[in-house]
């Protein structure tokens, strides 16, 4: 029975998150970075709706109270009253914010969906980079042996001895915060487990008859490594990938929460959560919703990765 069939809740949740992330550009969502009116829209709760005037130039003017009187519209905003001629108004709209707004008046639903796109993209690409670096190091160490193997493994052990979050934060502080930097930092601080796994598989595979036969036939070392040794490690690399994605998503959220990951105003679950940390008493939904989305997604990935836990012993 497949992993997806035995864990339908986790598979369904993860499929929904991935689907929303992929479809974010075509979904009818507001701009996640748009701050249309911070005075009217800031810190509004889920399911909140208001009234807005759609002007003939396409812009929206929000108001705490809008009324039509004598061929004009009266808009109350931040304690002030403004009269707008009806000729300048195209329509009256009643926008609703399903998940509320943050402290800048930005739509939380839009920021969560686009944040999922950013967080998952960073997690998947960073995990792929970690696997690539780890596969190269492990393949080189296991096939070469001798002094090169010893040097590469001691370097791997040294990297493992440094706390991963501390190393990632140091690198991000040195290079500056950006989406590309976050991917590089996460990838370059997470390759050690893959390197040790690949090395172990290569040390085992190099003693097999088909590898010995390839050597005896005069095949080049690079050809043997790519055609025979790397495929032997494909299983553990796939298992490591399943475990690394969730870890990368969580670490990216941690860095963004601390201001060293994906920079604002681009949304990721980490910086959306950080926007609400000072408003827990007055607007708890701002931090609760991205925190819940992050926790459930990482838990779903971990649940789906459980069958691989016996095959991979990550550091």
C-alpha atoms as a PDB file:
ATOM      1  CA  UNK A   1       0.000   0.000   0.000  1.00  0.00           C
ATOM      2  CA  UNK A   2       1.433   3.401  -0.965  1.00  0.00           C
ATOM      3  CA  UNK A   3       2.408   6.114   1.496  1.00  0.00           C
ATOM      4  CA  UNK A   4      -0.320   8.426   0.130  1.00  0.00           C
ATOM      5  CA  UNK A   5      -3.003   5.779   0.658  1.00  0.00           C
ATOM      6  CA  UNK A   6      -1.999   5.089   4.256  1.00  0.00           C
ATOM      7  CA  UNK A   7      -1.804   8.781   5.189  1.00  0.00           C
ATOM      8  CA  UNK A   8      -4.717  10.437   3.354  1.00  0.00           C
ATOM      9  CA  UNK A   9      -5.019  13.408   5.725  1.00  0.00           C
ATOM     10  CA  UNK A  10      -1.386  14.409   5.341  1.00  0.00           C
ATOM     11  CA  UNK A  11      -1.407  13.801   1.589  1.00  0.00           C
ATOM     12  CA  UNK A  12      -4.603  15.813   1.082  1.00  0.00           C
ATOM     13  CA  UNK A  13      -3.372  18.728   3.163  1.00  0.00           C
ATOM     14  CA  UNK A  14      -0.022  18.858   1.421  1.00  0.00           C
ATOM     15  CA  UNK A  15      -1.672  18.562  -2.001  1.00  0.00           C
ATOM     16  CA  UNK A  16      -3.975  21.470  -1.137  1.00  0.00           C
ATOM     17  CA  UNK A  17      -1.077  23.667  -0.004  1.00  0.00           C
ATOM     18  CA  UNK A  18       1.016  22.836  -3.070  1.00  0.00           C
ATOM     19  CA  UNK A  19      -1.989  23.386  -5.357  1.00  0.00           C
ATOM     20  CA  UNK A  20      -2.707  26.821  -3.878  1.00  0.00           C
ATOM     21  CA  UNK A  21       0.967  27.761  -4.139  1.00  0.00           C
ATOM     22  CA  UNK A  22       1.131  26.754  -7.796  1.00  0.00           C
ATOM     23  CA  UNK A  23      -2.136  28.468  -8.703  1.00  0.00           C
ATOM     24  CA  UNK A  24      -1.432  31.695  -6.785  1.00  0.00           C
ATOM     25  CA  UNK A  25      -0.746  33.777  -9.950  1.00  0.00           C
ATOM     26  CA  UNK A  26      -4.110  32.856 -11.517  1.00  0.00           C
ATOM     27  CA  UNK A  27      -6.319  32.876  -8.417  1.00  0.00           C
ATOM     28  CA  UNK A  28      -8.528  35.969  -7.838  1.00  0.00           C
ATOM     29  CA  UNK A  29      -6.377  37.283  -5.013  1.00  0.00           C
ATOM     30  CA  UNK A  30      -5.396  40.789  -4.048  1.00  0.00           C
ATOM     31  CA  UNK A  31      -1.814  41.938  -4.429  1.00  0.00           C
ATOM     32  CA  UNK A  32      -0.062  40.549  -1.294  1.00  0.00           C
ATOM     33  CA  UNK A  33       2.135  43.644  -1.011  1.00  0.00           C
ATOM     34  CA  UNK A  34      -0.613  46.196  -1.681  1.00  0.00           C
ATOM     35  CA  UNK A  35      -1.434  48.588   1.168  1.00  0.00           C
ATOM     36  CA  UNK A  36      -4.586  50.286  -0.160  1.00  0.00           C
ATOM     37  CA  UNK A  37      -5.587  52.134   3.016  1.00  0.00           C
ATOM     38  CA  UNK A  38      -3.811  51.440   6.273  1.00  0.00           C
ATOM     39  CA  UNK A  39      -6.085  53.740   8.266  1.00  0.00           C
ATOM     40  CA  UNK A  40      -9.294  51.911   7.359  1.00  0.00           C
ATOM     41  CA  UNK A  41      -8.085  48.359   6.744  1.00  0.00           C
ATOM     42  CA  UNK A  42      -5.413  47.783   9.397  1.00  0.00           C
ATOM     43  CA  UNK A  43      -5.890  44.879  11.842  1.00  0.00           C
ATOM     44  CA  UNK A  44      -9.312  43.822  10.591  1.00  0.00           C
ATOM     45  CA  UNK A  45     -10.572  40.391  11.758  1.00  0.00           C
ATOM     46  CA  UNK A  46     -11.482  37.440   9.501  1.00  0.00           C
ATOM     47  CA  UNK A  47     -14.714  37.734   7.481  1.00  0.00           C
ATOM     48  CA  UNK A  48     -14.663  41.514   7.873  1.00  0.00           C
ATOM     49  CA  UNK A  49     -16.245  43.534   5.090  1.00  0.00           C
ATOM     50  CA  UNK A  50     -16.446  47.234   4.358  1.00  0.00           C
ATOM     51  CA  UNK A  51     -17.713  49.656   1.725  1.00  0.00           C
ATOM     52  CA  UNK A  52     -15.537  51.199  -0.962  1.00  0.00           C
ATOM     53  CA  UNK A  53     -16.014  53.507  -3.907  1.00  0.00           C
ATOM     54  CA  UNK A  54     -14.695  52.331  -7.245  1.00  0.00           C
ATOM     55  CA  UNK A  55     -13.532  55.489  -8.974  1.00  0.00           C
ATOM     56  CA  UNK A  56     -13.636  55.925 -12.714  1.00  0.00           C
ATOM     57  CA  UNK A  57      -9.839  55.698 -12.856  1.00  0.00           C
ATOM     58  CA  UNK A  58     -10.085  52.172 -11.390  1.00  0.00           C
ATOM     59  CA  UNK A  59      -8.877  52.965  -7.863  1.00  0.00           C
ATOM     60  CA  UNK A  60     -10.747  52.047  -4.690  1.00  0.00           C
ATOM     61  CA  UNK A  61     -11.436  54.481  -1.888  1.00  0.00           C
ATOM     62  CA  UNK A  62     -12.271  52.754   1.382  1.00  0.00           C
ATOM     63  CA  UNK A  63     -14.263  54.337   4.144  1.00  0.00           C
ATOM     64  CA  UNK A  64     -15.420  53.523   7.638  1.00  0.00           C
ATOM     65  CA  UNK A  65     -18.828  54.787   6.545  1.00  0.00           C
ATOM     66  CA  UNK A  66     -19.989  55.790   3.063  1.00  0.00           C
ATOM     67  CA  UNK A  67     -23.375  57.304   2.308  1.00  0.00           C
ATOM     68  CA  UNK A  68     -24.979  58.800  -0.792  1.00  0.00           C
ATOM     69  CA  UNK A  69     -26.582  62.190  -0.304  1.00  0.00           C
ATOM     70  CA  UNK A  70     -27.865  64.511  -3.005  1.00  0.00           C
ATOM     71  CA  UNK A  71     -25.847  63.295  -5.988  1.00  0.00           C
ATOM     72  CA  UNK A  72     -22.624  62.909  -3.992  1.00  0.00           C
ATOM     73  CA  UNK A  73     -21.016  60.398  -1.709  1.00  0.00           C
ATOM     74  CA  UNK A  74     -19.914  61.182   1.830  1.00  0.00           C
ATOM     75  CA  UNK A  75     -16.971  59.158   3.041  1.00  0.00           C
ATOM     76  CA  UNK A  76     -15.871  59.027   6.667  1.00  0.00           C
ATOM     77  CA  UNK A  77     -12.240  58.027   7.160  1.00  0.00           C
ATOM     78  CA  UNK A  78      -9.998  58.427  10.218  1.00  0.00           C
ATOM     79  CA  UNK A  79     -12.346  60.963  11.781  1.00  0.00           C
ATOM     80  CA  UNK A  80     -12.577  63.107   8.650  1.00  0.00           C
ATOM     81  CA  UNK A  81     -15.452  63.502   6.235  1.00  0.00           C
ATOM     82  CA  UNK A  82     -14.958  63.843   2.494  1.00  0.00           C
ATOM     83  CA  UNK A  83     -17.564  64.594  -0.153  1.00  0.00           C
ATOM     84  CA  UNK A  84     -17.048  62.975  -3.561  1.00  0.00           C
ATOM     85  CA  UNK A  85     -19.185  63.907  -6.588  1.00  0.00           C
ATOM     86  CA  UNK A  86     -21.175  60.985  -7.966  1.00  0.00           C
ATOM     87  CA  UNK A  87     -19.818  61.718 -11.448  1.00  0.00           C
ATOM     88  CA  UNK A  88     -16.375  60.580 -10.297  1.00  0.00           C
ATOM     89  CA  UNK A  89     -17.654  57.258  -8.916  1.00  0.00           C
ATOM     90  CA  UNK A  90     -18.079  54.221 -11.150  1.00  0.00           C
ATOM     91  CA  UNK A  91     -19.668  51.900  -8.560  1.00  0.00           C
ATOM     92  CA  UNK A  92     -20.047  51.123  -4.877  1.00  0.00           C
ATOM     93  CA  UNK A  93     -18.424  47.878  -3.757  1.00  0.00           C
ATOM     94  CA  UNK A  94     -18.442  45.820  -0.580  1.00  0.00           C
ATOM     95  CA  UNK A  95     -15.087  44.007  -0.436  1.00  0.00           C
ATOM     96  CA  UNK A  96     -14.706  41.204   2.081  1.00  0.00           C
ATOM     97  CA  UNK A  97     -11.475  39.983   3.653  1.00  0.00           C
ATOM     98  CA  UNK A  98     -11.931  36.293   4.398  1.00  0.00           C
ATOM     99  CA  UNK A  99      -8.919  35.995   6.706  1.00  0.00           C
ATOM    100  CA  UNK A 100      -8.741  39.628   7.756  1.00  0.00           C
ATOM    101  CA  UNK A 101      -5.885  42.065   7.291  1.00  0.00           C
ATOM    102  CA  UNK A 102      -2.523  42.756   8.919  1.00  0.00           C
ATOM    103  CA  UNK A 103      -1.242  45.912  10.549  1.00  0.00           C
ATOM    104  CA  UNK A 104      -0.599  47.552   7.176  1.00  0.00           C
ATOM    105  CA  UNK A 105      -4.026  46.776   5.737  1.00  0.00           C
ATOM    106  CA  UNK A 106      -2.758  43.962   3.496  1.00  0.00           C
ATOM    107  CA  UNK A 107      -5.021  41.014   2.733  1.00  0.00           C
ATOM    108  CA  UNK A 108      -3.968  38.044   4.883  1.00  0.00           C
ATOM    109  CA  UNK A 109      -5.469  35.404   2.580  1.00  0.00           C
ATOM    110  CA  UNK A 110      -3.390  36.680  -0.316  1.00  0.00           C
ATOM    111  CA  UNK A 111      -0.259  36.875   1.817  1.00  0.00           C
ATOM    112  CA  UNK A 112      -0.735  33.336   3.123  1.00  0.00           C
ATOM    113  CA  UNK A 113      -1.223  31.851  -0.354  1.00  0.00           C
ATOM    114  CA  UNK A 114       1.717  33.729  -1.858  1.00  0.00           C
ATOM    115  CA  UNK A 115       3.702  33.012   1.300  1.00  0.00           C
ATOM    116  CA  UNK A 116       3.094  29.299   0.747  1.00  0.00           C
ATOM    117  CA  UNK A 117       4.468  29.688  -2.776  1.00  0.00           C
ATOM    118  CA  UNK A 118       7.606  31.380  -1.469  1.00  0.00           C
ATOM    119  CA  UNK A 119       8.176  29.044   1.479  1.00  0.00           C
ATOM    120  CA  UNK A 120       7.670  25.860  -0.553  1.00  0.00           C
ATOM    121  CA  UNK A 121       9.829  27.153  -3.399  1.00  0.00           C
ATOM    122  CA  UNK A 122      12.658  27.958  -1.006  1.00  0.00           C
ATOM    123  CA  UNK A 123      12.266  24.613   0.772  1.00  0.00           C
ATOM    124  CA  UNK A 124      12.270  22.503  -2.398  1.00  0.00           C
ATOM    125  CA  UNK A 125      15.110  24.366  -4.151  1.00  0.00           C
ATOM    126  CA  UNK A 126      17.228  24.487  -0.981  1.00  0.00           C
ATOM    127  CA  UNK A 127      16.705  20.751  -0.422  1.00  0.00           C
ATOM    128  CA  UNK A 128      17.669  20.068  -4.051  1.00  0.00           C
ATOM    129  CA  UNK A 129      20.826  22.154  -3.657  1.00  0.00           C
ATOM    130  CA  UNK A 130      21.731  20.340  -0.438  1.00  0.00           C
ATOM    131  CA  UNK A 131      21.272  16.971  -2.157  1.00  0.00           C
ATOM    132  CA  UNK A 132      23.390  18.071  -5.124  1.00  0.00           C
ATOM    133  CA  UNK A 133      26.279  19.260  -2.952  1.00  0.00           C
ATOM    134  CA  UNK A 134      25.998  16.246  -0.669  1.00  0.00           C
ATOM    135  CA  UNK A 135      25.922  13.826  -3.617  1.00  0.00           C
ATOM    136  CA  UNK A 136      29.059  15.386  -5.128  1.00  0.00           C
ATOM    137  CA  UNK A 137      30.969  15.316  -1.843  1.00  0.00           C
ATOM    138  CA  UNK A 138      29.835  11.815  -0.887  1.00  0.00           C
ATOM    139  CA  UNK A 139      30.461  10.382  -4.362  1.00  0.00           C
ATOM    140  CA  UNK A 140      33.926  11.921  -4.536  1.00  0.00           C
ATOM    141  CA  UNK A 141      34.864  10.765  -1.043  1.00  0.00           C
ATOM    142  CA  UNK A 142      33.527   7.234  -1.425  1.00  0.00           C
ATOM    143  CA  UNK A 143      35.007   6.587  -4.862  1.00  0.00           C
ATOM    144  CA  UNK A 144      38.383   8.277  -4.319  1.00  0.00           C
ATOM    145  CA  UNK A 145      39.146   6.907  -0.849  1.00  0.00           C
ATOM    146  CA  UNK A 146      42.445   7.578   0.868  1.00  0.00           C
ATOM    147  CA  UNK A 147      43.484  11.075   1.888  1.00  0.00           C
ATOM    148  CA  UNK A 148      40.771  12.829  -0.140  1.00  0.00           C
ATOM    149  CA  UNK A 149      38.082  10.742   1.531  1.00  0.00           C
ATOM    150  CA  UNK A 150      39.499  11.525   4.964  1.00  0.00           C
ATOM    151  CA  UNK A 151      39.711  15.258   4.246  1.00  0.00           C
ATOM    152  CA  UNK A 152      36.177  15.486   2.880  1.00  0.00           C
ATOM    153  CA  UNK A 153      34.696  13.538   5.769  1.00  0.00           C
ATOM    154  CA  UNK A 154      36.549  15.612   8.353  1.00  0.00           C
ATOM    155  CA  UNK A 155      35.230  18.744   6.657  1.00  0.00           C
ATOM    156  CA  UNK A 156      31.740  17.246   6.780  1.00  0.00           C
ATOM    157  CA  UNK A 157      32.123  16.439  10.477  1.00  0.00           C
ATOM    158  CA  UNK A 158      33.349  19.993  11.140  1.00  0.00           C
ATOM    159  CA  UNK A 159      30.308  21.442   9.375  1.00  0.00           C
ATOM    160  CA  UNK A 160      28.045  19.118  11.371  1.00  0.00           C
ATOM    161  CA  UNK A 161      29.583  20.291  14.635  1.00  0.00           C
ATOM    162  CA  UNK A 162      28.272  23.826  14.067  1.00  0.00           C
ATOM    163  CA  UNK A 163      24.578  24.324  14.921  1.00  0.00           C
ATOM    164  CA  UNK A 164      22.746  24.601  11.597  1.00  0.00           C
ATOM    165  CA  UNK A 165      20.578  27.569  12.533  1.00  0.00           C
ATOM    166  CA  UNK A 166      23.555  29.486  13.910  1.00  0.00           C
ATOM    167  CA  UNK A 167      25.552  28.814  10.738  1.00  0.00           C
ATOM    168  CA  UNK A 168      22.621  29.808   8.515  1.00  0.00           C
ATOM    169  CA  UNK A 169      22.059  33.056  10.407  1.00  0.00           C
ATOM    170  CA  UNK A 170      25.759  33.944  10.240  1.00  0.00           C
ATOM    171  CA  UNK A 171      25.873  33.399   6.485  1.00  0.00           C
ATOM    172  CA  UNK A 172      22.647  35.337   5.932  1.00  0.00           C
ATOM    173  CA  UNK A 173      23.966  38.235   8.024  1.00  0.00           C
ATOM    174  CA  UNK A 174      27.162  38.314   5.937  1.00  0.00           C
ATOM    175  CA  UNK A 175      25.517  38.046   2.514  1.00  0.00           C
ATOM    176  CA  UNK A 176      22.377  40.071   3.197  1.00  0.00           C
ATOM    177  CA  UNK A 177      18.759  38.956   2.997  1.00  0.00           C
ATOM    178  CA  UNK A 178      17.192  38.015  -0.344  1.00  0.00           C
ATOM    179  CA  UNK A 179      15.331  35.059  -1.817  1.00  0.00           C
ATOM    180  CA  UNK A 180      18.455  33.756  -3.604  1.00  0.00           C
ATOM    181  CA  UNK A 181      20.602  34.194  -0.501  1.00  0.00           C
ATOM    182  CA  UNK A 182      18.086  32.283   1.614  1.00  0.00           C
ATOM    183  CA  UNK A 183      18.113  29.353  -0.824  1.00  0.00           C
ATOM    184  CA  UNK A 184      21.916  29.304  -0.941  1.00  0.00           C
ATOM    185  CA  UNK A 185      22.263  29.545   2.827  1.00  0.00           C
ATOM    186  CA  UNK A 186      19.810  26.727   3.483  1.00  0.00           C
ATOM    187  CA  UNK A 187      21.310  24.530   0.798  1.00  0.00           C
ATOM    188  CA  UNK A 188      24.909  25.098   1.881  1.00  0.00           C
ATOM    189  CA  UNK A 189      24.155  24.334   5.523  1.00  0.00           C
ATOM    190  CA  UNK A 190      22.170  21.128   4.946  1.00  0.00           C
ATOM    191  CA  UNK A 191      24.286  18.973   2.604  1.00  0.00           C
ATOM    192  CA  UNK A 192      26.244  17.027   5.238  1.00  0.00           C
ATOM    193  CA  UNK A 193      23.684  14.296   5.871  1.00  0.00           C
ATOM    194  CA  UNK A 194      23.351  13.557   2.160  1.00  0.00           C
ATOM    195  CA  UNK A 195      27.145  13.412   1.797  1.00  0.00           C
ATOM    196  CA  UNK A 196      27.516  10.786   4.509  1.00  0.00           C
ATOM    197  CA  UNK A 197      24.655   8.704   3.132  1.00  0.00           C
ATOM    198  CA  UNK A 198      25.986   8.747  -0.423  1.00  0.00           C
ATOM    199  CA  UNK A 199      29.498   7.914   0.739  1.00  0.00           C
ATOM    200  CA  UNK A 200      28.212   4.883   2.613  1.00  0.00           C
ATOM    201  CA  UNK A 201      26.315   3.625  -0.430  1.00  0.00           C
ATOM    202  CA  UNK A 202      29.301   4.215  -2.701  1.00  0.00           C
ATOM    203  CA  UNK A 203      31.672   2.342  -0.389  1.00  0.00           C
ATOM    204  CA  UNK A 204      29.300  -0.608  -0.550  1.00  0.00           C
ATOM    205  CA  UNK A 205      28.646  -0.424  -4.299  1.00  0.00           C
ATOM    206  CA  UNK A 206      32.294  -0.103  -5.337  1.00  0.00           C
ATOM    207  CA  UNK A 207      32.947  -3.684  -4.207  1.00  0.00           C
ATOM    208  CA  UNK A 208      30.212  -5.168  -6.370  1.00  0.00           C
ATOM    209  CA  UNK A 209      30.971  -7.248  -9.437  1.00  0.00           C
ATOM    210  CA  UNK A 210      29.498  -4.895 -12.025  1.00  0.00           C
ATOM    211  CA  UNK A 211      31.672  -2.035 -10.772  1.00  0.00           C
ATOM    212  CA  UNK A 212      34.760  -4.251 -10.807  1.00  0.00           C
ATOM    213  CA  UNK A 213      33.864  -5.339 -14.344  1.00  0.00           C
ATOM    214  CA  UNK A 214      33.547  -1.711 -15.451  1.00  0.00           C
ATOM    215  CA  UNK A 215      36.973  -0.948 -13.991  1.00  0.00           C
ATOM    216  CA  UNK A 216      38.515  -3.993 -15.701  1.00  0.00           C
ATOM    217  CA  UNK A 217      37.061  -2.918 -19.047  1.00  0.00           C
ATOM    218  CA  UNK A 218      38.934   0.385 -18.806  1.00  0.00           C
ATOM    219  CA  UNK A 219      35.944   2.660 -18.154  1.00  0.00           C
ATOM    220  CA  UNK A 220      36.829   6.142 -16.926  1.00  0.00           C
ATOM    221  CA  UNK A 221      36.333   6.917 -13.246  1.00  0.00           C
ATOM    222  CA  UNK A 222      33.784   9.637 -13.941  1.00  0.00           C
ATOM    223  CA  UNK A 223      31.745   7.246 -16.095  1.00  0.00           C
ATOM    224  CA  UNK A 224      31.780   4.574 -13.383  1.00  0.00           C
ATOM    225  CA  UNK A 225      30.760   7.086 -10.750  1.00  0.00           C
ATOM    226  CA  UNK A 226      27.848   8.482 -12.771  1.00  0.00           C
ATOM    227  CA  UNK A 227      26.597   5.287 -14.411  1.00  0.00           C
ATOM    228  CA  UNK A 228      27.037   2.760 -11.617  1.00  0.00           C
ATOM    229  CA  UNK A 229      27.729   4.346  -8.236  1.00  0.00           C
ATOM    230  CA  UNK A 230      25.335   7.312  -8.274  1.00  0.00           C
ATOM    231  CA  UNK A 231      22.288   5.192  -9.262  1.00  0.00           C
ATOM    232  CA  UNK A 232      23.110   2.903  -6.328  1.00  0.00           C
ATOM    233  CA  UNK A 233      22.659   5.896  -3.998  1.00  0.00           C
ATOM    234  CA  UNK A 234      19.440   7.123  -5.647  1.00  0.00           C
ATOM    235  CA  UNK A 235      17.224   5.435  -3.048  1.00  0.00           C
ATOM    236  CA  UNK A 236      18.802   7.086  -0.022  1.00  0.00           C
ATOM    237  CA  UNK A 237      18.914  10.434  -1.853  1.00  0.00           C
ATOM    238  CA  UNK A 238      15.175  10.243  -2.510  1.00  0.00           C
ATOM    239  CA  UNK A 239      14.547   9.416   1.136  1.00  0.00           C
ATOM    240  CA  UNK A 240      16.817  12.237   2.260  1.00  0.00           C
ATOM    241  CA  UNK A 241      14.954  14.646  -0.034  1.00  0.00           C
ATOM    242  CA  UNK A 242      11.633  13.757   1.606  1.00  0.00           C
ATOM    243  CA  UNK A 243      13.091  14.556   5.016  1.00  0.00           C
ATOM    244  CA  UNK A 244      14.953  17.709   3.977  1.00  0.00           C
ATOM    245  CA  UNK A 245      12.054  19.640   2.429  1.00  0.00           C
ATOM    246  CA  UNK A 246      10.137  20.003   5.689  1.00  0.00           C
ATOM    247  CA  UNK A 247      13.302  20.960   7.543  1.00  0.00           C
ATOM    248  CA  UNK A 248      14.152  23.585   4.912  1.00  0.00           C
ATOM    249  CA  UNK A 249      10.651  25.107   5.034  1.00  0.00           C
ATOM    250  CA  UNK A 250      10.826  25.383   8.815  1.00  0.00           C
ATOM    251  CA  UNK A 251      14.343  26.844   8.780  1.00  0.00           C
ATOM    252  CA  UNK A 252      13.369  29.386   6.112  1.00  0.00           C
ATOM    253  CA  UNK A 253      10.414  30.474   8.252  1.00  0.00           C
ATOM    254  CA  UNK A 254      12.732  30.872  11.235  1.00  0.00           C
ATOM    255  CA  UNK A 255      15.167  33.028   9.274  1.00  0.00           C
ATOM    256  CA  UNK A 256      12.393  35.162   7.774  1.00  0.00           C
ATOM    257  CA  UNK A 257      10.820  35.587  11.209  1.00  0.00           C
ATOM    258  CA  UNK A 258      14.165  36.933  12.460  1.00  0.00           C
ATOM    259  CA  UNK A 259      14.484  39.273   9.476  1.00  0.00           C
ATOM    260  CA  UNK A 260      17.349  37.404   7.765  1.00  0.00           C
ATOM    261  CA  UNK A 261      15.340  35.369   5.256  1.00  0.00           C
ATOM    262  CA  UNK A 262      12.965  36.474   2.518  1.00  0.00           C
ATOM    263  CA  UNK A 263      12.844  40.285   2.761  1.00  0.00           C
ATOM    264  CA  UNK A 264       9.606  42.255   3.056  1.00  0.00           C
ATOM    265  CA  UNK A 265       7.307  43.078   1.380  1.00  0.00           C
ATOM    266  CA  UNK A 266       7.600  39.697  -0.404  1.00  0.00           C
ATOM    267  CA  UNK A 267       5.482  37.353   1.718  1.00  0.00           C
ATOM    268  CA  UNK A 268       6.674  34.137   3.312  1.00  0.00           C
ATOM    269  CA  UNK A 269       5.105  32.394   6.267  1.00  0.00           C
ATOM    270  CA  UNK A 270       7.979  33.464   8.483  1.00  0.00           C
ATOM    271  CA  UNK A 271       7.759  37.207   7.886  1.00  0.00           C
ATOM    272  CA  UNK A 272       3.934  37.150   7.843  1.00  0.00           C
ATOM    273  CA  UNK A 273       4.093  35.560  11.290  1.00  0.00           C
ATOM    274  CA  UNK A 274       6.625  38.183  12.378  1.00  0.00           C
ATOM    275  CA  UNK A 275       4.215  40.961  11.336  1.00  0.00           C
ATOM    276  CA  UNK A 276       1.785  39.779  14.000  1.00  0.00           C
ATOM    277  CA  UNK A 277       4.105  39.093  16.906  1.00  0.00           C
ATOM    278  CA  UNK A 278       3.529  42.564  18.408  1.00  0.00           C
ATOM    279  CA  UNK A 279      -0.249  42.309  17.930  1.00  0.00           C
ATOM    280  CA  UNK A 280      -1.030  39.033  19.678  1.00  0.00           C
ATOM    281  CA  UNK A 281      -3.255  40.748  22.224  1.00  0.00           C
ATOM    282  CA  UNK A 282      -5.203  42.971  19.795  1.00  0.00           C
ATOM    283  CA  UNK A 283      -5.085  41.029  16.492  1.00  0.00           C
ATOM    284  CA  UNK A 284      -4.091  37.410  17.228  1.00  0.00           C
ATOM    285  CA  UNK A 285      -5.171  36.115  13.794  1.00  0.00           C
ATOM    286  CA  UNK A 286      -2.220  37.838  12.087  1.00  0.00           C
ATOM    287  CA  UNK A 287       0.307  35.517  13.760  1.00  0.00           C
ATOM    288  CA  UNK A 288      -1.977  32.543  14.390  1.00  0.00           C
ATOM    289  CA  UNK A 289      -2.947  31.861  10.763  1.00  0.00           C
ATOM    290  CA  UNK A 290       0.571  31.662   9.245  1.00  0.00           C
ATOM    291  CA  UNK A 291       1.808  29.780  12.309  1.00  0.00           C
ATOM    292  CA  UNK A 292      -0.976  27.234  11.912  1.00  0.00           C
ATOM    293  CA  UNK A 293      -0.319  26.887   8.175  1.00  0.00           C
ATOM    294  CA  UNK A 294       3.399  26.354   8.808  1.00  0.00           C
ATOM    295  CA  UNK A 295       2.839  23.824  11.591  1.00  0.00           C
ATOM    296  CA  UNK A 296       0.308  21.783   9.626  1.00  0.00           C
ATOM    297  CA  UNK A 297       2.405  21.753   6.455  1.00  0.00           C
ATOM    298  CA  UNK A 298       5.607  20.690   8.209  1.00  0.00           C
ATOM    299  CA  UNK A 299       3.657  18.061  10.166  1.00  0.00           C
ATOM    300  CA  UNK A 300       2.162  16.714   6.912  1.00  0.00           C
ATOM    301  CA  UNK A 301       5.595  16.506   5.278  1.00  0.00           C
ATOM    302  CA  UNK A 302       7.011  14.775   8.356  1.00  0.00           C
ATOM    303  CA  UNK A 303       4.106  12.340   8.414  1.00  0.00           C
ATOM    304  CA  UNK A 304       4.591  11.433   4.764  1.00  0.00           C
ATOM    305  CA  UNK A 305       8.333  11.057   5.369  1.00  0.00           C
ATOM    306  CA  UNK A 306       7.952   8.523   8.188  1.00  0.00           C
ATOM    307  CA  UNK A 307       8.385   5.444   5.945  1.00  0.00           C
ATOM    308  CA  UNK A 308      11.822   6.768   4.970  1.00  0.00           C
ATOM    309  CA  UNK A 309      12.964   7.309   8.556  1.00  0.00           C
ATOM    310  CA  UNK A 310      14.237   3.765   8.877  1.00  0.00           C
ATOM    311  CA  UNK A 311      16.180   4.048   5.651  1.00  0.00           C
ATOM    312  CA  UNK A 312      17.839   7.386   6.377  1.00  0.00           C
ATOM    313  CA  UNK A 313      19.621   8.345   9.555  1.00  0.00           C
ATOM    314  CA  UNK A 314      19.923  12.099   9.212  1.00  0.00           C
ATOM    315  CA  UNK A 315      22.319  13.984  11.466  1.00  0.00           C
END
